[in-house]
N, C-alpha and C. Protein backbone atom coordinates (compact mmCIF):
# COMPACT_ATOMS: atom_id res chain seq x y z
N MET A 1 -13.47 -2.98 3.71
CA MET A 1 -12.58 -3.81 4.48
C MET A 1 -11.74 -3.00 5.45
N PHE A 2 -11.34 -1.79 5.08
CA PHE A 2 -10.55 -0.91 5.94
C PHE A 2 -11.28 0.42 6.04
N PRO A 3 -12.32 0.49 6.87
CA PRO A 3 -13.14 1.70 6.90
C PRO A 3 -12.41 2.93 7.41
N ASP A 4 -11.28 2.76 8.10
CA ASP A 4 -10.57 3.92 8.61
C ASP A 4 -9.61 4.54 7.59
N LEU A 5 -9.52 3.96 6.40
CA LEU A 5 -8.70 4.55 5.33
C LEU A 5 -9.61 5.27 4.35
N ASP A 6 -9.21 6.46 3.96
CA ASP A 6 -9.95 7.23 2.97
C ASP A 6 -9.73 6.58 1.60
N SER A 7 -10.80 6.17 0.95
CA SER A 7 -10.67 5.42 -0.30
C SER A 7 -10.03 6.23 -1.42
N SER A 8 -10.27 7.55 -1.50
CA SER A 8 -9.64 8.31 -2.58
C SER A 8 -8.14 8.46 -2.38
N ARG A 9 -7.71 8.62 -1.14
CA ARG A 9 -6.26 8.69 -0.88
C ARG A 9 -5.61 7.34 -1.14
N LEU A 10 -6.29 6.27 -0.73
CA LEU A 10 -5.76 4.94 -0.97
C LEU A 10 -5.66 4.68 -2.48
N LYS A 11 -6.64 5.13 -3.22
CA LYS A 11 -6.62 4.94 -4.68
C LYS A 11 -5.45 5.71 -5.30
N ARG A 12 -5.19 6.92 -4.84
CA ARG A 12 -4.06 7.69 -5.38
C ARG A 12 -2.74 6.98 -5.08
N SER A 13 -2.64 6.41 -3.88
CA SER A 13 -1.43 5.64 -3.55
C SER A 13 -1.32 4.44 -4.47
N PHE A 14 -2.42 3.75 -4.66
CA PHE A 14 -2.44 2.58 -5.53
C PHE A 14 -2.02 2.95 -6.95
N GLU A 15 -2.55 4.04 -7.48
CA GLU A 15 -2.20 4.47 -8.83
C GLU A 15 -0.70 4.73 -8.95
N TYR A 16 -0.12 5.32 -7.91
CA TYR A 16 1.32 5.56 -7.92
C TYR A 16 2.07 4.24 -8.03
N PHE A 17 1.72 3.28 -7.20
CA PHE A 17 2.41 2.00 -7.22
C PHE A 17 2.20 1.25 -8.53
N VAL A 18 1.01 1.34 -9.09
CA VAL A 18 0.77 0.71 -10.39
C VAL A 18 1.66 1.35 -11.46
N ASP A 19 1.72 2.67 -11.46
CA ASP A 19 2.55 3.38 -12.45
C ASP A 19 4.03 3.02 -12.34
N HIS A 20 4.51 2.80 -11.13
CA HIS A 20 5.94 2.63 -10.91
C HIS A 20 6.40 1.19 -10.70
N TYR A 21 5.54 0.33 -10.17
CA TYR A 21 6.05 -0.97 -9.73
C TYR A 21 5.21 -2.19 -10.11
N ALA A 22 4.07 -2.01 -10.72
CA ALA A 22 3.16 -3.14 -10.91
C ALA A 22 3.59 -4.08 -12.02
N PRO A 23 3.63 -5.38 -11.71
CA PRO A 23 3.79 -6.35 -12.79
C PRO A 23 2.48 -6.42 -13.58
N ALA A 24 2.56 -6.76 -14.82
CA ALA A 24 1.38 -6.75 -15.70
C ALA A 24 0.25 -7.62 -15.16
N GLU A 25 0.57 -8.78 -14.60
CA GLU A 25 -0.50 -9.66 -14.13
C GLU A 25 -1.28 -9.07 -12.97
N LEU A 26 -0.67 -8.20 -12.20
CA LEU A 26 -1.37 -7.58 -11.09
C LEU A 26 -2.31 -6.49 -11.58
N THR A 27 -1.89 -5.74 -12.57
CA THR A 27 -2.73 -4.65 -13.08
C THR A 27 -3.89 -5.17 -13.91
N ASN A 28 -3.84 -6.39 -14.35
CA ASN A 28 -4.91 -6.97 -15.15
C ASN A 28 -5.87 -7.81 -14.31
N ALA A 29 -5.94 -7.54 -13.03
CA ALA A 29 -6.82 -8.30 -12.15
C ALA A 29 -7.83 -7.36 -11.50
N PRO A 30 -8.81 -6.85 -12.28
CA PRO A 30 -9.73 -5.86 -11.74
C PRO A 30 -10.63 -6.40 -10.64
N GLN A 31 -10.80 -7.70 -10.55
CA GLN A 31 -11.67 -8.26 -9.54
C GLN A 31 -11.04 -8.22 -8.15
N ARG A 32 -9.75 -7.96 -8.09
CA ARG A 32 -9.07 -7.94 -6.79
C ARG A 32 -9.45 -6.70 -6.00
N ASP A 33 -9.57 -6.88 -4.73
CA ASP A 33 -9.90 -5.78 -3.85
C ASP A 33 -8.71 -4.83 -3.75
N LEU A 34 -8.99 -3.53 -3.81
CA LEU A 34 -7.93 -2.52 -3.79
C LEU A 34 -7.03 -2.66 -2.57
N THR A 35 -7.62 -2.82 -1.41
CA THR A 35 -6.80 -2.86 -0.20
C THR A 35 -5.93 -4.11 -0.14
N LEU A 36 -6.44 -5.23 -0.60
CA LEU A 36 -5.61 -6.44 -0.61
C LEU A 36 -4.48 -6.32 -1.61
N THR A 37 -4.75 -5.70 -2.73
CA THR A 37 -3.71 -5.47 -3.73
C THR A 37 -2.66 -4.52 -3.17
N MET A 38 -3.11 -3.48 -2.46
CA MET A 38 -2.16 -2.56 -1.83
C MET A 38 -1.29 -3.29 -0.82
N ALA A 39 -1.88 -4.18 -0.05
CA ALA A 39 -1.10 -4.93 0.94
C ALA A 39 -0.01 -5.73 0.24
N GLU A 40 -0.30 -6.30 -0.92
CA GLU A 40 0.71 -7.03 -1.68
C GLU A 40 1.82 -6.09 -2.17
N PHE A 41 1.44 -4.91 -2.65
CA PHE A 41 2.44 -3.93 -3.06
C PHE A 41 3.35 -3.58 -1.90
N ILE A 42 2.76 -3.32 -0.76
CA ILE A 42 3.53 -2.91 0.41
C ILE A 42 4.49 -4.02 0.83
N ASP A 43 4.02 -5.26 0.80
CA ASP A 43 4.90 -6.38 1.11
C ASP A 43 6.12 -6.40 0.18
N GLY A 44 5.90 -6.03 -1.06
CA GLY A 44 6.97 -6.03 -2.04
C GLY A 44 7.99 -4.91 -1.86
N THR A 45 7.74 -3.99 -0.94
CA THR A 45 8.67 -2.87 -0.72
C THR A 45 9.53 -3.06 0.51
N GLN A 46 9.46 -4.20 1.15
CA GLN A 46 10.16 -4.39 2.41
C GLN A 46 11.68 -4.30 2.27
N ASP A 47 12.20 -4.57 1.08
CA ASP A 47 13.65 -4.49 0.90
C ASP A 47 14.11 -3.13 0.35
N PHE A 48 13.19 -2.16 0.22
CA PHE A 48 13.57 -0.83 -0.25
C PHE A 48 14.42 -0.14 0.82
N CYS A 49 15.47 0.53 0.40
CA CYS A 49 16.32 1.27 1.35
C CYS A 49 15.57 2.52 1.83
N GLY A 50 16.04 3.08 2.92
CA GLY A 50 15.41 4.25 3.51
C GLY A 50 15.32 5.43 2.55
N GLU A 51 16.36 5.63 1.76
CA GLU A 51 16.37 6.74 0.80
C GLU A 51 15.28 6.56 -0.25
N ARG A 52 15.09 5.34 -0.72
CA ARG A 52 14.06 5.07 -1.71
C ARG A 52 12.67 5.28 -1.11
N VAL A 53 12.47 4.80 0.12
CA VAL A 53 11.19 4.99 0.80
C VAL A 53 10.90 6.47 0.97
N SER A 54 11.90 7.24 1.36
CA SER A 54 11.74 8.67 1.54
C SER A 54 11.33 9.35 0.24
N GLY A 55 11.96 8.97 -0.86
CA GLY A 55 11.62 9.54 -2.16
C GLY A 55 10.20 9.21 -2.57
N ILE A 56 9.79 7.97 -2.35
CA ILE A 56 8.43 7.55 -2.67
C ILE A 56 7.44 8.31 -1.79
N ASP A 57 7.77 8.44 -0.49
CA ASP A 57 6.90 9.20 0.42
C ASP A 57 6.69 10.62 -0.08
N GLN A 58 7.76 11.26 -0.54
CA GLN A 58 7.65 12.63 -1.04
C GLN A 58 6.75 12.70 -2.27
N ASP A 59 6.92 11.75 -3.19
CA ASP A 59 6.07 11.71 -4.38
C ASP A 59 4.60 11.53 -4.00
N LEU A 60 4.35 10.64 -3.06
CA LEU A 60 2.96 10.38 -2.65
C LEU A 60 2.37 11.57 -1.91
N GLN A 61 3.16 12.25 -1.09
CA GLN A 61 2.66 13.45 -0.40
C GLN A 61 2.24 14.52 -1.40
N LYS A 62 2.99 14.67 -2.48
CA LYS A 62 2.64 15.64 -3.52
C LYS A 62 1.29 15.31 -4.15
N ARG A 63 0.93 14.04 -4.16
CA ARG A 63 -0.35 13.59 -4.73
C ARG A 63 -1.47 13.56 -3.68
N ASN A 64 -1.15 13.99 -2.47
CA ASN A 64 -2.10 13.89 -1.35
C ASN A 64 -2.59 12.45 -1.19
N ALA A 65 -1.64 11.53 -1.28
CA ALA A 65 -1.92 10.10 -1.13
C ALA A 65 -1.25 9.61 0.14
N TYR A 66 -1.63 8.42 0.58
CA TYR A 66 -0.97 7.82 1.73
C TYR A 66 0.48 7.52 1.38
N THR A 67 1.38 7.82 2.30
CA THR A 67 2.79 7.55 2.05
C THR A 67 3.10 6.07 2.22
N LEU A 68 4.19 5.65 1.65
CA LEU A 68 4.64 4.28 1.80
C LEU A 68 4.91 3.97 3.26
N SER A 69 5.52 4.90 3.97
CA SER A 69 5.81 4.68 5.39
C SER A 69 4.52 4.43 6.18
N PHE A 70 3.51 5.25 5.91
CA PHE A 70 2.23 5.08 6.60
C PHE A 70 1.62 3.72 6.25
N LEU A 71 1.60 3.39 4.96
CA LEU A 71 0.98 2.14 4.54
C LEU A 71 1.72 0.92 5.07
N ARG A 72 3.04 0.99 5.13
CA ARG A 72 3.81 -0.12 5.73
C ARG A 72 3.37 -0.34 7.17
N ASP A 73 3.31 0.74 7.92
CA ASP A 73 2.91 0.64 9.33
C ASP A 73 1.48 0.12 9.45
N TYR A 74 0.60 0.66 8.63
CA TYR A 74 -0.81 0.29 8.69
C TYR A 74 -1.01 -1.20 8.40
N PHE A 75 -0.45 -1.66 7.30
CA PHE A 75 -0.66 -3.05 6.91
C PHE A 75 0.10 -4.02 7.81
N THR A 76 1.20 -3.59 8.39
CA THR A 76 1.91 -4.43 9.35
C THR A 76 1.04 -4.64 10.58
N ARG A 77 0.43 -3.56 11.08
CA ARG A 77 -0.46 -3.68 12.24
C ARG A 77 -1.67 -4.53 11.90
N TRP A 78 -2.23 -4.33 10.69
CA TRP A 78 -3.40 -5.11 10.26
C TRP A 78 -3.06 -6.60 10.23
N ARG A 79 -1.95 -6.94 9.65
CA ARG A 79 -1.56 -8.36 9.59
C ARG A 79 -1.27 -8.93 10.97
N SER A 80 -0.69 -8.12 11.84
CA SER A 80 -0.43 -8.58 13.20
C SER A 80 -1.74 -8.89 13.92
N ASN A 81 -2.72 -8.01 13.76
CA ASN A 81 -4.02 -8.23 14.38
C ASN A 81 -4.74 -9.43 13.76
N GLU A 82 -4.56 -9.61 12.47
CA GLU A 82 -5.21 -10.72 11.77
C GLU A 82 -4.64 -12.06 12.26
N ASN A 83 -3.37 -12.08 12.62
CA ASN A 83 -2.73 -13.32 13.04
C ASN A 83 -2.81 -13.61 14.54
N GLU A 84 -3.40 -12.68 15.29
CA GLU A 84 -3.55 -12.91 16.72
C GLU A 84 -4.64 -13.93 16.96
N PRO A 85 -4.41 -14.85 17.89
CA PRO A 85 -5.46 -15.83 18.19
C PRO A 85 -6.64 -15.15 18.89
N GLU A 86 -7.83 -15.62 18.55
CA GLU A 86 -9.02 -15.08 19.19
C GLU A 86 -9.15 -15.69 20.58
N GLY A 87 -9.69 -14.91 21.47
CA GLY A 87 -9.84 -15.49 22.78
C GLY A 87 -10.35 -14.54 23.71
């Protein structure tokens, strides 16, 4: 679905969010697509303060995973493109 994202880095980011923020019902849904689940996680971080985002970014960088800042930007652009009228 997102061929320009490296799947192993995306998976490491996902694992971080599951470890720190996932509600049980989300982690028990293996049929869900990783990228769509990540988009839901990212949506859930919109109220995080800058300091919290920075800390999460640092943790993710240590794991060689996509940072929260990057993923927020990426999925925001993806949703914007998805909502544009075709023409």
